[in-house]
C-alpha atoms as a PDB file:
ATOM      1  CA  MET A   1     -29.225  -0.280 -17.669  1.00  0.00           C
ATOM      2  CA  ILE A   2     -26.287  -1.956 -19.519  1.00  0.00           C
ATOM      3  CA  LYS A   3     -26.665  -5.193 -21.285  1.00  0.00           C
ATOM      4  CA  VAL A   4     -23.073  -5.984 -21.989  1.00  0.00           C
ATOM      5  CA  CYS A   5     -19.810  -4.654 -20.407  1.00  0.00           C
ATOM      6  CA  ASN A   6     -18.102  -2.241 -22.932  1.00  0.00           C
ATOM      7  CA  PHE A   7     -14.569  -3.420 -21.645  1.00  0.00           C
ATOM      8  CA  CYS A   8     -14.951  -7.089 -21.220  1.00  0.00           C
ATOM      9  CA  GLY A   9     -18.061  -8.294 -22.921  1.00  0.00           C
ATOM     10  CA  ASN A  10     -19.561  -9.734 -19.564  1.00  0.00           C
ATOM     11  CA  LYS A  11     -23.349  -9.704 -19.180  1.00  0.00           C
ATOM     12  CA  ASN A  12     -23.610 -10.055 -15.568  1.00  0.00           C
ATOM     13  CA  PHE A  13     -23.812  -6.915 -13.330  1.00  0.00           C
ATOM     14  CA  LYS A  14     -24.607  -6.214  -9.689  1.00  0.00           C
ATOM     15  CA  GLN A  15     -26.217  -3.177  -8.303  1.00  0.00           C
ATOM     16  CA  LYS A  16     -23.758  -1.528  -5.930  1.00  0.00           C
ATOM     17  CA  ASN A  17     -23.077   1.744  -4.050  1.00  0.00           C
ATOM     18  CA  VAL A  18     -19.288   2.890  -4.671  1.00  0.00           C
ATOM     19  CA  GLN A  19     -17.103   5.735  -3.965  1.00  0.00           C
ATOM     20  CA  HIS A  20     -16.788   7.939  -7.122  1.00  0.00           C
ATOM     21  CA  ILE A  21     -14.079  10.669  -7.732  1.00  0.00           C
ATOM     22  CA  TYR A  22     -15.288  13.446  -9.783  1.00  0.00           C
ATOM     23  CA  ARG A  23     -12.488  15.610 -11.275  1.00  0.00           C
ATOM     24  CA  HIS A  24     -12.781  18.915 -13.304  1.00  0.00           C
ATOM     25  CA  GLU A  25      -9.401  20.420 -14.162  1.00  0.00           C
ATOM     26  CA  ASP A  26      -7.547  20.574 -10.828  1.00  0.00           C
ATOM     27  CA  LYS A  27     -10.424  20.211  -8.699  1.00  0.00           C
ATOM     28  CA  LEU A  28     -11.749  16.933  -7.107  1.00  0.00           C
ATOM     29  CA  LEU A  29     -14.823  15.936  -5.237  1.00  0.00           C
ATOM     30  CA  ILE A  30     -15.102  12.486  -3.736  1.00  0.00           C
ATOM     31  CA  ILE A  31     -18.748  11.123  -3.330  1.00  0.00           C
ATOM     32  CA  ASN A  32     -19.473   8.270  -1.313  1.00  0.00           C
ATOM     33  CA  ASN A  33     -22.350   5.524  -1.679  1.00  0.00           C
ATOM     34  CA  VAL A  34     -23.038   6.325  -5.221  1.00  0.00           C
ATOM     35  CA  PRO A  35     -25.494   3.950  -6.955  1.00  0.00           C
ATOM     36  CA  CYS A  36     -24.308   2.116 -10.003  1.00  0.00           C
ATOM     37  CA  GLU A  37     -24.212  -1.147 -11.962  1.00  0.00           C
ATOM     38  CA  GLU A  38     -20.784  -2.886 -11.649  1.00  0.00           C
ATOM     39  CA  CYS A  39     -19.573  -5.586 -13.992  1.00  0.00           C
ATOM     40  CA  GLU A  40     -19.158  -8.781 -12.045  1.00  0.00           C
ATOM     41  CA  TYR A  41     -16.117  -9.972 -14.051  1.00  0.00           C
ATOM     42  CA  CYS A  42     -13.870  -6.773 -14.551  1.00  0.00           C
ATOM     43  CA  GLY A  43     -15.420  -4.303 -12.089  1.00  0.00           C
ATOM     44  CA  GLU A  44     -16.205  -1.570 -14.614  1.00  0.00           C
ATOM     45  CA  LYS A  45     -18.804   0.766 -13.225  1.00  0.00           C
ATOM     46  CA  TYR A  46     -21.878   2.244 -15.035  1.00  0.00           C
ATOM     47  CA  PHE A  47     -23.715   5.330 -13.713  1.00  0.00           C
ATOM     48  CA  THR A  48     -27.003   6.797 -14.956  1.00  0.00           C
ATOM     49  CA  ALA A  49     -27.057  10.130 -16.504  1.00  0.00           C
ATOM     50  CA  LYS A  50     -29.248  11.264 -13.515  1.00  0.00           C
ATOM     51  CA  VAL A  51     -26.697  10.232 -10.992  1.00  0.00           C
ATOM     52  CA  LEU A  52     -23.788  11.902 -12.863  1.00  0.00           C
ATOM     53  CA  LYS A  53     -25.911  15.208 -13.140  1.00  0.00           C
ATOM     54  CA  LYS A  54     -26.382  15.170  -9.553  1.00  0.00           C
ATOM     55  CA  ILE A  55     -22.685  14.690  -8.736  1.00  0.00           C
ATOM     56  CA  GLU A  56     -21.881  17.501 -11.260  1.00  0.00           C
ATOM     57  CA  GLN A  57     -24.400  19.785  -9.722  1.00  0.00           C
ATOM     58  CA  GLU A  58     -22.886  19.041  -6.199  1.00  0.00           C
ATOM     59  CA  PHE A  59     -19.415  19.855  -7.635  1.00  0.00           C
ATOM     60  CA  LYS A  60     -20.631  23.377  -8.836  1.00  0.00           C
ATOM     61  CA  GLU A  61     -22.370  24.188  -5.608  1.00  0.00           C
ATOM     62  CA  ILE A  62     -19.322  23.309  -3.596  1.00  0.00           C
ATOM     63  CA  TYR A  63     -16.745  24.939  -5.809  1.00  0.00           C
ATOM     64  CA  PHE A  64     -18.535  27.967  -7.197  1.00  0.00           C
ATOM     65  CA  SER A  65     -21.625  28.770  -4.862  1.00  0.00           C
ATOM     66  CA  GLY A  66     -19.971  28.379  -1.397  1.00  0.00           C
ATOM     67  CA  LYS A  67     -21.685  25.080  -0.301  1.00  0.00           C
ATOM     68  CA  ARG A  68     -19.810  23.487   2.632  1.00  0.00           C
ATOM     69  CA  ALA A  69     -18.729  19.993   1.872  1.00  0.00           C
ATOM     70  CA  ALA A  70     -19.241  17.248   4.557  1.00  0.00           C
ATOM     71  CA  LYS A  71     -15.510  16.675   4.928  1.00  0.00           C
ATOM     72  CA  ARG A  72     -12.325  18.005   3.320  1.00  0.00           C
ATOM     73  CA  LEU A  73      -9.211  16.010   2.709  1.00  0.00           C
ATOM     74  CA  THR A  74      -5.592  17.115   1.994  1.00  0.00           C
ATOM     75  CA  VAL A  75      -4.080  15.163  -0.860  1.00  0.00           C
ATOM     76  CA  PRO A  76      -0.391  15.021  -1.546  1.00  0.00           C
ATOM     77  CA  VAL A  77       0.661  15.505  -5.332  1.00  0.00           C
ATOM     78  CA  GLU A  78       3.850  14.429  -6.875  1.00  0.00           C
ATOM     79  CA  GLU A  79       5.352  14.513 -10.389  1.00  0.00           C
ATOM     80  CA  PHE A  80       6.614  11.057 -11.365  1.00  0.00           C
ATOM     81  CA  MET A  81       9.986  12.293 -12.602  1.00  0.00           C
ATOM     82  CA  GLU A  82      10.577  13.751  -9.226  1.00  0.00           C
ATOM     83  CA  ILE A  83       9.997  10.405  -7.352  1.00  0.00           C
ATOM     84  CA  GLN A  84      12.586   8.377  -9.386  1.00  0.00           C
END
């Protein structure tokens, strides 16, 4: 898939399943066990177009077609200026 890491130049990658957070505007979708190649040096993750398209489709089905997600979380949000 990837020959050289775009961030650090490393050439060693490992296949891994990771948690990925997909964000569109103010909506989030957390997907667990997403296959990727991860740089062994800096940890940058690379996903295939097929995987990203599946995630985008799942996002659309949940937010726009009424599909129920396996789990829902409540996430607190703060403005940085308010926490100083």
